[in-house]
């Protein structure tokens, strides 16, 4: 088994794989993961609920966009699992080319989603990750990472609106639902419509712009894949998104781990 750890800006997701099957997963908030003891307790709970033994885990892969948390999880990997983790970066043999001015500056979550997306669907792809940031990752027909876009995430936009105004309420989490009408008659629904329907319109426009920059043949074949915390909510409101893959980053960590360690003969 392999443990895949996706350390994001808002939360961390841990998944346990046996070959290509995701057996169990859990999400840890930022407040929990500042404590090694709390993280280990969450991992132990995950393993117990799934009926798994930590001794079965032969490897750990980590994708992280938060450097100080990378250090914490690296230490846990060594002290709790007694394993040296693989940290995803552009320096690994990924099997595809990253067409970024500085490949080292590309977020490891975007690398992982590209690897998993191409493995599942081939290319070309437009992978949209609705997380703390909304990222658009463009994958070529041969699996290369061509580039993309970074925009404020849905909840990031909503919380920023609350923090930078005197009287508007905080609308986040489960309160962020799409109202039926865009002409709203109360403040809460007005914010919901502005943030979520605004995100839908921004997504439609951005996908159209990306396709306009792709060669005509690739643009016509490009699949649009969604992942991240708001992917299901957004996908339910549009025909642009063709597939939703909530565990895409975890899948990518596992795939990259297998590729790297098979080459090492492990």
Protein backbone atom coordinates (compact mmCIF):
# COMPACT_ATOMS: atom_id res chain seq x y z
CA UNK A 1 0.00 0.00 0.00
CA UNK A 2 1.00 3.61 -0.56
CA UNK A 3 -0.03 6.69 1.44
CA UNK A 4 -0.61 9.79 -0.69
CA UNK A 5 -0.59 13.13 1.13
CA UNK A 6 -1.90 16.28 -0.58
CA UNK A 7 -0.94 19.35 1.48
CA UNK A 8 -2.95 22.34 0.32
CA UNK A 9 -3.30 25.91 1.53
CA UNK A 10 -6.62 25.26 3.30
CA UNK A 11 -6.45 21.59 4.26
CA UNK A 12 -4.52 18.36 3.79
CA UNK A 13 -6.00 15.19 2.30
CA UNK A 14 -4.48 11.80 3.08
CA UNK A 15 -5.34 8.76 0.95
CA UNK A 16 -4.34 5.12 1.33
CA UNK A 17 -3.95 3.13 -1.90
CA UNK A 18 -3.59 -0.54 -2.65
CA UNK A 19 -2.30 -0.57 -6.21
CA UNK A 20 -4.65 1.86 -8.01
CA UNK A 21 -7.58 1.54 -5.57
CA UNK A 22 -8.17 4.33 -3.04
CA UNK A 23 -9.08 2.38 0.10
CA UNK A 24 -9.58 5.26 2.54
CA UNK A 25 -9.05 8.99 2.83
CA UNK A 26 -9.51 11.84 5.27
CA UNK A 27 -9.24 15.63 5.29
CA UNK A 28 -7.35 17.56 7.97
CA UNK A 29 -7.87 21.27 8.61
CA UNK A 30 -4.98 23.70 9.04
CA UNK A 31 -5.61 23.95 12.80
CA UNK A 32 -5.20 20.17 13.26
CA UNK A 33 -2.08 19.77 11.17
CA UNK A 34 0.06 22.16 13.19
CA UNK A 35 0.38 19.40 15.80
CA UNK A 36 2.27 16.19 14.98
CA UNK A 37 0.34 14.32 17.68
CA UNK A 38 -3.03 15.38 16.23
CA UNK A 39 -1.97 14.43 12.72
CA UNK A 40 -0.81 11.00 13.86
CA UNK A 41 -4.08 10.52 15.79
CA UNK A 42 -6.05 11.32 12.60
CA UNK A 43 -3.94 8.88 10.58
CA UNK A 44 -4.41 6.15 13.19
CA UNK A 45 -8.17 6.77 13.17
CA UNK A 46 -8.23 6.55 9.36
CA UNK A 47 -6.37 3.23 9.38
CA UNK A 48 -8.53 1.74 12.15
CA UNK A 49 -11.80 2.72 10.44
CA UNK A 50 -10.59 1.16 7.18
CA UNK A 51 -9.28 -1.98 8.92
CA UNK A 52 -5.73 -1.32 7.72
CA UNK A 53 -2.33 -1.80 9.34
CA UNK A 54 0.36 0.86 8.99
CA UNK A 55 2.96 -1.91 8.52
CA UNK A 56 1.36 -2.66 5.14
CA UNK A 57 2.25 0.79 3.84
CA UNK A 58 5.41 0.45 1.74
CA UNK A 59 5.76 4.04 0.62
CA UNK A 60 4.62 7.63 1.07
CA UNK A 61 4.23 10.33 -1.55
CA UNK A 62 3.73 13.98 -0.64
CA UNK A 63 2.51 16.88 -2.75
CA UNK A 64 2.78 20.15 -0.86
CA UNK A 65 2.27 23.85 -1.56
CA UNK A 66 3.01 24.79 2.08
CA UNK A 67 6.75 24.38 2.81
CA UNK A 68 6.55 24.47 6.63
CA UNK A 69 3.93 21.70 6.60
CA UNK A 70 6.12 19.66 4.26
CA UNK A 71 8.69 19.51 7.05
CA UNK A 72 6.08 18.33 9.59
CA UNK A 73 4.75 15.55 7.34
CA UNK A 74 8.26 14.49 6.33
CA UNK A 75 9.09 14.04 10.02
CA UNK A 76 5.88 12.06 10.62
CA UNK A 77 6.69 9.82 7.65
CA UNK A 78 10.06 9.00 9.14
CA UNK A 79 9.09 8.68 12.82
CA UNK A 80 5.62 7.07 12.55
CA UNK A 81 5.88 5.06 9.32
CA UNK A 82 9.69 4.69 9.31
CA UNK A 83 9.69 5.61 5.63
CA UNK A 84 11.49 8.30 3.66
CA UNK A 85 8.75 10.07 1.66
CA UNK A 86 8.88 11.00 -2.00
CA UNK A 87 8.24 14.74 -2.37
CA UNK A 88 6.65 15.60 -5.72
CA UNK A 89 8.51 18.24 -7.70
CA UNK A 90 9.43 19.07 -11.28
CA UNK A 91 12.87 17.54 -10.63
CA UNK A 92 11.45 14.00 -10.61
CA UNK A 93 11.24 11.85 -13.73
CA UNK A 94 7.57 12.56 -14.40
CA UNK A 95 7.33 11.15 -17.92
CA UNK A 96 6.21 14.47 -19.41
CA UNK A 97 7.67 17.89 -20.16
CA UNK A 98 6.65 21.00 -18.22
CA UNK A 99 6.52 24.01 -20.55
CA UNK A 100 6.92 26.56 -17.78
CA UNK A 101 9.57 29.30 -17.78
CA UNK A 102 10.73 27.94 -14.41
CA UNK A 103 9.41 24.38 -13.93
CA UNK A 104 10.45 24.47 -10.26
CA UNK A 105 7.87 27.20 -9.64
CA UNK A 106 4.95 25.01 -10.80
CA UNK A 107 2.84 23.82 -7.86
CA UNK A 108 3.18 20.11 -7.14
CA UNK A 109 -0.63 19.78 -6.96
CA UNK A 110 -0.82 20.93 -10.58
CA UNK A 111 1.88 18.44 -11.56
CA UNK A 112 -0.07 15.62 -9.89
CA UNK A 113 -3.40 16.51 -11.46
CA UNK A 114 -1.74 16.66 -14.87
CA UNK A 115 -0.20 13.21 -14.39
CA UNK A 116 -3.47 11.65 -13.22
CA UNK A 117 -5.65 13.42 -15.76
CA UNK A 118 -3.55 12.28 -18.70
CA UNK A 119 -3.31 8.74 -17.29
CA UNK A 120 -7.13 8.50 -17.09
CA UNK A 121 -8.22 10.39 -20.18
CA UNK A 122 -5.27 11.03 -22.45
CA UNK A 123 -4.93 14.49 -23.97
CA UNK A 124 -5.56 17.26 -24.70
CA UNK A 125 -7.10 18.31 -21.39
CA UNK A 126 -8.12 21.41 -19.48
CA UNK A 127 -8.02 20.52 -15.79
CA UNK A 128 -9.73 23.01 -13.47
CA UNK A 129 -8.97 22.75 -9.75
CA UNK A 130 -11.55 24.57 -7.64
CA UNK A 131 -9.50 24.91 -4.45
CA UNK A 132 -8.09 27.82 -2.43
CA UNK A 133 -7.07 29.11 -5.84
CA UNK A 134 -8.87 28.17 -9.04
CA UNK A 135 -6.23 26.85 -11.42
CA UNK A 136 -6.58 25.96 -15.09
CA UNK A 137 -4.00 23.42 -16.24
CA UNK A 138 -3.61 22.78 -19.95
CA UNK A 139 -2.30 19.36 -20.97
CA UNK A 140 -1.25 18.62 -24.54
CA UNK A 141 -2.12 15.60 -26.65
CA UNK A 142 1.16 13.89 -25.63
CA UNK A 143 0.72 14.63 -21.94
CA UNK A 144 2.98 17.67 -21.68
CA UNK A 145 2.05 20.46 -19.27
CA UNK A 146 1.58 23.43 -21.61
CA UNK A 147 0.78 26.09 -19.02
CA UNK A 148 -2.31 27.55 -17.42
CA UNK A 149 -4.04 30.17 -15.33
CA UNK A 150 -4.29 30.96 -11.61
CA UNK A 151 -7.28 32.87 -10.23
CA UNK A 152 -8.71 33.46 -6.74
CA UNK A 153 -10.67 30.45 -5.48
CA UNK A 154 -14.40 30.53 -4.85
CA UNK A 155 -14.22 30.54 -1.06
CA UNK A 156 -11.14 32.79 -1.13
CA UNK A 157 -13.20 35.38 -3.04
CA UNK A 158 -16.11 35.12 -0.63
CA UNK A 159 -13.95 35.46 2.48
CA UNK A 160 -12.00 38.35 0.96
CA UNK A 161 -15.31 40.14 0.34
CA UNK A 162 -16.25 39.68 4.01
CA UNK A 163 -12.87 40.81 5.33
CA UNK A 164 -12.63 43.92 3.18
CA UNK A 165 -16.12 45.27 3.88
CA UNK A 166 -17.74 46.61 7.04
CA UNK A 167 -21.25 45.20 6.82
CA UNK A 168 -21.28 42.18 4.52
CA UNK A 169 -21.65 38.76 6.24
CA UNK A 170 -19.20 35.86 5.99
CA UNK A 171 -20.60 33.40 3.42
CA UNK A 172 -18.41 30.31 3.13
CA UNK A 173 -18.47 26.53 3.31
CA UNK A 174 -21.96 25.04 3.14
CA UNK A 175 -23.47 28.54 2.97
CA UNK A 176 -22.04 28.94 -0.51
CA UNK A 177 -24.96 27.59 -2.52
CA UNK A 178 -26.15 28.77 -5.91
CA UNK A 179 -29.48 30.63 -5.73
CA UNK A 180 -32.06 30.04 -8.45
CA UNK A 181 -32.13 33.66 -9.57
CA UNK A 182 -29.31 36.08 -10.22
CA UNK A 183 -31.59 38.98 -9.24
CA UNK A 184 -31.52 38.43 -5.48
CA UNK A 185 -33.63 40.11 -2.80
CA UNK A 186 -31.36 39.61 0.24
CA UNK A 187 -27.68 40.13 0.97
CA UNK A 188 -26.75 36.47 1.56
CA UNK A 189 -28.17 35.30 -1.76
CA UNK A 190 -26.68 38.32 -3.52
CA UNK A 191 -23.22 37.23 -2.36
CA UNK A 192 -23.92 33.61 -3.28
CA UNK A 193 -24.99 34.61 -6.78
CA UNK A 194 -22.08 36.99 -7.23
CA UNK A 195 -19.43 34.55 -6.08
CA UNK A 196 -20.73 31.26 -7.53
CA UNK A 197 -22.46 32.44 -10.70
CA UNK A 198 -19.54 34.79 -11.21
CA UNK A 199 -17.21 31.78 -10.93
CA UNK A 200 -19.31 29.88 -13.48
CA UNK A 201 -19.17 32.74 -15.97
CA UNK A 202 -15.45 33.26 -15.37
CA UNK A 203 -14.85 29.55 -15.95
CA UNK A 204 -16.82 29.57 -19.21
CA UNK A 205 -14.90 32.58 -20.44
CA UNK A 206 -11.52 31.21 -19.42
CA UNK A 207 -12.11 27.81 -21.04
CA UNK A 208 -13.14 29.59 -24.26
CA UNK A 209 -9.99 31.74 -24.16
CA UNK A 210 -7.79 28.67 -23.59
CA UNK A 211 -9.38 26.82 -26.49
CA UNK A 212 -8.89 29.89 -28.71
CA UNK A 213 -5.14 29.67 -28.05
CA UNK A 214 -4.89 25.94 -28.74
CA UNK A 215 -4.48 24.55 -32.26
CA UNK A 216 -7.93 24.05 -33.77
CA UNK A 217 -7.71 20.25 -33.76
CA UNK A 218 -6.66 20.13 -30.10
CA UNK A 219 -9.25 22.71 -29.04
CA UNK A 220 -12.06 20.65 -30.53
CA UNK A 221 -10.90 17.48 -28.72
CA UNK A 222 -9.92 18.96 -25.36
CA UNK A 223 -11.79 17.45 -22.43
CA UNK A 224 -12.55 19.63 -19.42
CA UNK A 225 -11.93 17.90 -16.07
CA UNK A 226 -12.81 19.40 -12.68
CA UNK A 227 -11.32 18.63 -9.28
CA UNK A 228 -11.12 20.36 -5.91
CA UNK A 229 -13.60 21.14 -3.16
CA UNK A 230 -16.15 23.04 -5.26
CA UNK A 231 -15.91 20.90 -8.39
CA UNK A 232 -19.19 19.01 -7.89
CA UNK A 233 -21.13 22.18 -7.09
CA UNK A 234 -19.86 23.94 -10.20
CA UNK A 235 -20.10 20.92 -12.52
CA UNK A 236 -23.79 20.48 -11.65
CA UNK A 237 -24.48 23.91 -13.16
CA UNK A 238 -22.67 23.63 -16.49
CA UNK A 239 -22.20 21.42 -19.54
CA UNK A 240 -18.64 22.64 -20.04
CA UNK A 241 -17.18 20.26 -17.44
CA UNK A 242 -17.25 16.69 -18.76
CA UNK A 243 -15.75 14.78 -15.84
CA UNK A 244 -15.37 15.40 -12.10
CA UNK A 245 -12.41 13.75 -10.35
CA UNK A 246 -12.33 14.71 -6.64
CA UNK A 247 -9.22 12.61 -5.88
CA UNK A 248 -7.19 13.66 -8.93
CA UNK A 249 -4.21 15.06 -6.99
CA UNK A 250 -4.06 12.00 -4.72
CA UNK A 251 -4.21 9.76 -7.79
CA UNK A 252 -1.35 11.72 -9.33
CA UNK A 253 0.80 11.37 -6.22
CA UNK A 254 0.30 7.61 -6.30
CA UNK A 255 1.07 7.39 -10.03
CA UNK A 256 4.25 9.46 -9.72
CA UNK A 257 5.33 7.43 -6.68
CA UNK A 258 4.89 4.20 -8.63
CA UNK A 259 6.77 5.56 -11.65
CA UNK A 260 9.71 6.85 -9.61
CA UNK A 261 10.05 3.77 -7.42
CA UNK A 262 9.56 1.22 -10.20
CA UNK A 263 12.52 2.85 -11.96
CA UNK A 264 14.52 2.41 -8.78
CA UNK A 265 13.52 -1.23 -8.65
CA UNK A 266 11.64 -0.87 -5.36
